[in-house]
């Protein structure tokens, strides 16, 4: 896999931190209002939150990124798609 340029890596980090901090704050607010789920009956909130954050990051890259960063943006989107596939497979494997 090619190396990601420092500026593109910084862009991804900023996007991830921005989305992550907002999502974590919202999740914490919800946690204060809702009772805790039983461990056995949980719906894997961490994996579902990661999926949501990756989808948001992908959307940002597809619609808001300044340019293609010499193909690195497209590669990052492909990597996000692979990560999403793995996370969905993880959720499916737990149902078996």
N, C-alpha and C. Protein backbone atom coordinates (compact mmCIF):
# COMPACT_ATOMS: atom_id res chain seq x y z
N UNK A 1 0.84 -1.18 0.00
CA UNK A 1 0.00 0.00 0.00
C UNK A 1 0.89 1.24 0.00
N UNK A 2 0.52 2.22 -0.75
CA UNK A 2 1.32 3.44 -0.81
C UNK A 2 1.25 4.21 0.49
N UNK A 3 2.28 5.01 0.72
CA UNK A 3 2.29 5.83 1.92
C UNK A 3 1.37 7.02 1.72
N UNK A 4 0.65 7.38 2.76
CA UNK A 4 -0.24 8.53 2.70
C UNK A 4 0.58 9.77 3.04
N UNK A 5 0.37 10.84 2.28
CA UNK A 5 1.12 12.07 2.54
C UNK A 5 0.76 12.61 3.92
N UNK A 6 1.67 13.37 4.48
CA UNK A 6 1.46 13.92 5.82
C UNK A 6 0.25 14.83 5.87
N UNK A 7 0.04 15.63 4.84
CA UNK A 7 -1.11 16.54 4.85
C UNK A 7 -2.42 15.78 4.76
N UNK A 8 -2.46 14.71 3.97
CA UNK A 8 -3.68 13.92 3.87
C UNK A 8 -3.93 13.16 5.17
N UNK A 9 -2.88 12.63 5.77
CA UNK A 9 -3.03 11.95 7.05
C UNK A 9 -3.55 12.93 8.10
N UNK A 10 -3.06 14.15 8.07
CA UNK A 10 -3.53 15.16 9.02
C UNK A 10 -5.00 15.47 8.78
N UNK A 11 -5.41 15.54 7.50
CA UNK A 11 -6.82 15.77 7.17
C UNK A 11 -7.69 14.66 7.74
N UNK A 12 -7.28 13.42 7.55
CA UNK A 12 -8.04 12.29 8.09
C UNK A 12 -8.11 12.35 9.61
N UNK A 13 -7.01 12.69 10.23
CA UNK A 13 -6.98 12.77 11.68
C UNK A 13 -7.93 13.85 12.18
N UNK A 14 -7.90 15.02 11.55
CA UNK A 14 -8.79 16.10 11.96
C UNK A 14 -10.24 15.71 11.76
N UNK A 15 -10.55 15.12 10.61
CA UNK A 15 -11.92 14.67 10.36
C UNK A 15 -12.36 13.66 11.41
N UNK A 16 -11.51 12.70 11.67
CA UNK A 16 -11.84 11.66 12.65
C UNK A 16 -12.01 12.21 14.04
N UNK A 17 -11.12 13.12 14.44
CA UNK A 17 -11.22 13.70 15.78
C UNK A 17 -12.46 14.57 15.92
N UNK A 18 -12.77 15.33 14.88
CA UNK A 18 -13.95 16.19 14.92
C UNK A 18 -15.22 15.35 15.02
N UNK A 19 -15.32 14.37 14.16
CA UNK A 19 -16.51 13.51 14.17
C UNK A 19 -16.55 12.71 15.46
N UNK A 20 -15.41 12.17 15.86
CA UNK A 20 -15.36 11.35 17.06
C UNK A 20 -15.73 12.10 18.32
N UNK A 21 -15.21 13.31 18.48
CA UNK A 21 -15.49 14.07 19.69
C UNK A 21 -16.96 14.46 19.75
N UNK A 22 -17.54 14.82 18.61
CA UNK A 22 -18.96 15.16 18.57
C UNK A 22 -19.82 13.93 18.88
N UNK A 23 -19.47 12.81 18.27
CA UNK A 23 -20.24 11.59 18.47
C UNK A 23 -20.11 11.08 19.90
N UNK A 24 -18.93 11.17 20.47
CA UNK A 24 -18.73 10.72 21.84
C UNK A 24 -19.54 11.58 22.81
N UNK A 25 -19.54 12.89 22.57
CA UNK A 25 -20.31 13.77 23.44
C UNK A 25 -21.79 13.44 23.36
N UNK A 26 -22.29 13.18 22.15
CA UNK A 26 -23.70 12.80 21.99
C UNK A 26 -23.98 11.47 22.67
N UNK A 27 -23.07 10.52 22.51
CA UNK A 27 -23.26 9.20 23.12
C UNK A 27 -23.26 9.30 24.64
N UNK A 28 -22.40 10.14 25.18
CA UNK A 28 -22.37 10.32 26.63
C UNK A 28 -23.66 10.94 27.13
N UNK A 29 -24.20 11.90 26.38
CA UNK A 29 -25.48 12.50 26.76
C UNK A 29 -26.58 11.45 26.78
N UNK A 30 -26.60 10.60 25.75
CA UNK A 30 -27.62 9.55 25.69
C UNK A 30 -27.43 8.56 26.83
N UNK A 31 -26.18 8.23 27.16
CA UNK A 31 -25.92 7.27 28.22
C UNK A 31 -26.46 7.76 29.55
N UNK A 32 -26.44 9.06 29.76
CA UNK A 32 -26.94 9.62 31.01
C UNK A 32 -28.45 9.50 31.10
N UNK A 33 -29.14 9.49 29.97
CA UNK A 33 -30.60 9.47 29.97
C UNK A 33 -31.17 8.06 29.87
N UNK A 34 -30.42 7.12 29.32
CA UNK A 34 -30.96 5.80 29.08
C UNK A 34 -30.34 4.77 30.02
N UNK A 35 -31.13 3.81 30.44
CA UNK A 35 -30.57 2.74 31.28
C UNK A 35 -29.57 1.91 30.49
N UNK A 36 -28.63 1.33 31.19
CA UNK A 36 -27.62 0.49 30.55
C UNK A 36 -28.26 -0.81 30.07
N UNK A 37 -27.86 -1.26 28.89
CA UNK A 37 -28.35 -2.54 28.37
C UNK A 37 -27.60 -3.68 29.06
N UNK A 38 -28.26 -4.79 29.15
CA UNK A 38 -27.59 -5.97 29.67
C UNK A 38 -26.50 -6.38 28.69
N UNK A 39 -25.40 -6.90 29.20
CA UNK A 39 -24.26 -7.24 28.36
C UNK A 39 -24.67 -8.26 27.31
N UNK A 40 -25.44 -9.27 27.67
CA UNK A 40 -25.81 -10.32 26.72
C UNK A 40 -26.71 -9.80 25.60
N UNK A 41 -27.57 -8.83 25.90
CA UNK A 41 -28.51 -8.34 24.91
C UNK A 41 -28.05 -7.09 24.18
N UNK A 42 -26.81 -6.70 24.37
CA UNK A 42 -26.34 -5.46 23.73
C UNK A 42 -26.29 -5.60 22.22
N UNK A 43 -26.32 -4.47 21.57
CA UNK A 43 -26.29 -4.45 20.11
C UNK A 43 -24.94 -3.96 19.60
N UNK A 44 -23.90 -4.13 20.38
CA UNK A 44 -22.54 -3.75 20.01
C UNK A 44 -22.43 -2.26 19.68
N UNK A 45 -22.69 -1.41 20.66
CA UNK A 45 -22.70 0.04 20.41
C UNK A 45 -21.36 0.60 19.93
N UNK A 46 -20.26 0.02 20.34
CA UNK A 46 -18.95 0.52 19.91
C UNK A 46 -18.74 0.26 18.42
N UNK A 47 -19.09 -0.93 17.98
CA UNK A 47 -18.94 -1.25 16.55
C UNK A 47 -19.90 -0.40 15.73
N UNK A 48 -21.13 -0.24 16.20
CA UNK A 48 -22.10 0.57 15.47
C UNK A 48 -21.66 2.04 15.40
N UNK A 49 -21.07 2.54 16.47
CA UNK A 49 -20.56 3.91 16.47
C UNK A 49 -19.39 4.06 15.50
N UNK A 50 -18.51 3.06 15.45
CA UNK A 50 -17.39 3.09 14.51
C UNK A 50 -17.90 3.09 13.08
N UNK A 51 -18.93 2.30 12.80
CA UNK A 51 -19.52 2.28 11.46
C UNK A 51 -20.06 3.66 11.10
N UNK A 52 -20.77 4.26 12.03
CA UNK A 52 -21.34 5.58 11.78
C UNK A 52 -20.24 6.62 11.52
N UNK A 53 -19.17 6.58 12.30
CA UNK A 53 -18.08 7.53 12.13
C UNK A 53 -17.36 7.32 10.79
N UNK A 54 -17.15 6.07 10.42
CA UNK A 54 -16.51 5.79 9.13
C UNK A 54 -17.38 6.26 7.97
N UNK A 55 -18.69 6.05 8.08
CA UNK A 55 -19.59 6.52 7.02
C UNK A 55 -19.55 8.04 6.91
N UNK A 56 -19.50 8.73 8.05
CA UNK A 56 -19.42 10.19 8.02
C UNK A 56 -18.10 10.67 7.43
N UNK A 57 -17.01 10.00 7.78
CA UNK A 57 -15.70 10.36 7.25
C UNK A 57 -15.66 10.13 5.74
N UNK A 58 -16.22 9.01 5.30
CA UNK A 58 -16.27 8.72 3.87
C UNK A 58 -17.04 9.81 3.13
N UNK A 59 -18.17 10.23 3.69
CA UNK A 59 -18.97 11.28 3.06
C UNK A 59 -18.16 12.57 2.96
N UNK A 60 -17.45 12.92 4.02
CA UNK A 60 -16.62 14.12 3.99
C UNK A 60 -15.57 14.05 2.89
N UNK A 61 -14.93 12.90 2.78
CA UNK A 61 -13.90 12.75 1.74
C UNK A 61 -14.50 12.82 0.34
N UNK A 62 -15.68 12.26 0.17
CA UNK A 62 -16.31 12.26 -1.15
C UNK A 62 -16.87 13.62 -1.54
N UNK A 63 -17.33 14.40 -0.56
CA UNK A 63 -18.05 15.63 -0.88
C UNK A 63 -17.36 16.92 -0.45
N UNK A 64 -16.43 16.86 0.49
CA UNK A 64 -15.86 18.09 1.02
C UNK A 64 -14.34 18.22 0.86
N UNK A 65 -13.66 17.15 0.52
CA UNK A 65 -12.21 17.21 0.38
C UNK A 65 -11.84 18.13 -0.79
N UNK A 66 -10.77 18.90 -0.61
CA UNK A 66 -10.38 19.92 -1.57
C UNK A 66 -10.01 19.35 -2.94
N UNK A 67 -9.30 18.23 -2.96
CA UNK A 67 -8.92 17.60 -4.21
C UNK A 67 -8.58 16.14 -3.94
N UNK A 68 -8.01 15.46 -4.93
CA UNK A 68 -7.80 14.01 -4.83
C UNK A 68 -6.53 13.60 -4.09
N UNK A 69 -5.65 14.54 -3.80
CA UNK A 69 -4.41 14.24 -3.08
C UNK A 69 -3.61 13.14 -3.79
N UNK A 70 -3.47 13.26 -5.10
CA UNK A 70 -2.68 12.34 -5.91
C UNK A 70 -3.15 10.89 -5.76
N UNK A 71 -4.46 10.69 -5.68
CA UNK A 71 -5.03 9.35 -5.59
C UNK A 71 -5.18 8.83 -4.17
N UNK A 72 -4.64 9.53 -3.20
CA UNK A 72 -4.71 9.04 -1.82
C UNK A 72 -6.13 9.12 -1.25
N UNK A 73 -6.89 10.12 -1.66
CA UNK A 73 -8.28 10.22 -1.19
C UNK A 73 -9.06 8.99 -1.65
N UNK A 74 -8.91 8.61 -2.90
CA UNK A 74 -9.61 7.44 -3.42
C UNK A 74 -9.19 6.17 -2.67
N UNK A 75 -7.89 6.07 -2.39
CA UNK A 75 -7.40 4.91 -1.63
C UNK A 75 -7.97 4.91 -0.21
N UNK A 76 -8.06 6.07 0.39
CA UNK A 76 -8.62 6.16 1.74
C UNK A 76 -10.09 5.73 1.74
N UNK A 77 -10.82 6.14 0.71
CA UNK A 77 -12.23 5.74 0.60
C UNK A 77 -12.34 4.23 0.44
N UNK A 78 -11.45 3.64 -0.35
CA UNK A 78 -11.45 2.18 -0.50
C UNK A 78 -11.14 1.49 0.83
N UNK A 79 -10.20 2.05 1.58
CA UNK A 79 -9.86 1.48 2.89
C UNK A 79 -11.03 1.59 3.85
N UNK A 80 -11.74 2.70 3.79
CA UNK A 80 -12.93 2.86 4.63
C UNK A 80 -13.97 1.81 4.25
N UNK A 81 -14.17 1.60 2.95
CA UNK A 81 -15.12 0.57 2.50
C UNK A 81 -14.73 -0.81 3.02
N UNK A 82 -13.44 -1.12 3.00
CA UNK A 82 -12.98 -2.41 3.53
C UNK A 82 -13.22 -2.50 5.03
N UNK A 83 -12.93 -1.43 5.75
CA UNK A 83 -13.15 -1.42 7.20
C UNK A 83 -14.63 -1.59 7.51
N UNK A 84 -15.49 -0.91 6.75
CA UNK A 84 -16.94 -1.05 6.95
C UNK A 84 -17.38 -2.49 6.70
N UNK A 85 -16.85 -3.11 5.67
CA UNK A 85 -17.19 -4.50 5.38
C UNK A 85 -16.79 -5.41 6.53
N UNK A 86 -15.60 -5.20 7.08
CA UNK A 86 -15.15 -6.01 8.22
C UNK A 86 -16.04 -5.80 9.44
N UNK A 87 -16.42 -4.57 9.70
CA UNK A 87 -17.27 -4.30 10.86
C UNK A 87 -18.65 -4.93 10.69
N UNK A 88 -19.20 -4.86 9.48
CA UNK A 88 -20.50 -5.50 9.24
C UNK A 88 -20.38 -7.02 9.37
N UNK A 89 -19.28 -7.57 8.90
CA UNK A 89 -19.05 -9.02 9.06
C UNK A 89 -18.92 -9.39 10.53
N UNK A 90 -18.30 -8.53 11.31
CA UNK A 90 -18.18 -8.79 12.76
C UNK A 90 -19.56 -8.85 13.40
N UNK A 91 -20.42 -7.92 13.04
CA UNK A 91 -21.78 -7.94 13.59
C UNK A 91 -22.53 -9.20 13.16
N UNK A 92 -22.36 -9.60 11.90
CA UNK A 92 -23.03 -10.80 11.41
C UNK A 92 -22.50 -12.07 12.09
N UNK A 93 -21.20 -12.10 12.33
CA UNK A 93 -20.62 -13.31 12.94
C UNK A 93 -21.11 -13.51 14.36
N UNK A 94 -21.49 -12.43 15.02
CA UNK A 94 -22.00 -12.55 16.39
C UNK A 94 -23.40 -13.13 16.42
N UNK A 95 -24.12 -13.06 15.32
CA UNK A 95 -25.48 -13.58 15.26
C UNK A 95 -25.51 -15.09 15.05
N UNK A 96 -24.35 -15.65 14.68
CA UNK A 96 -24.29 -17.09 14.38
C UNK A 96 -24.14 -17.89 15.63
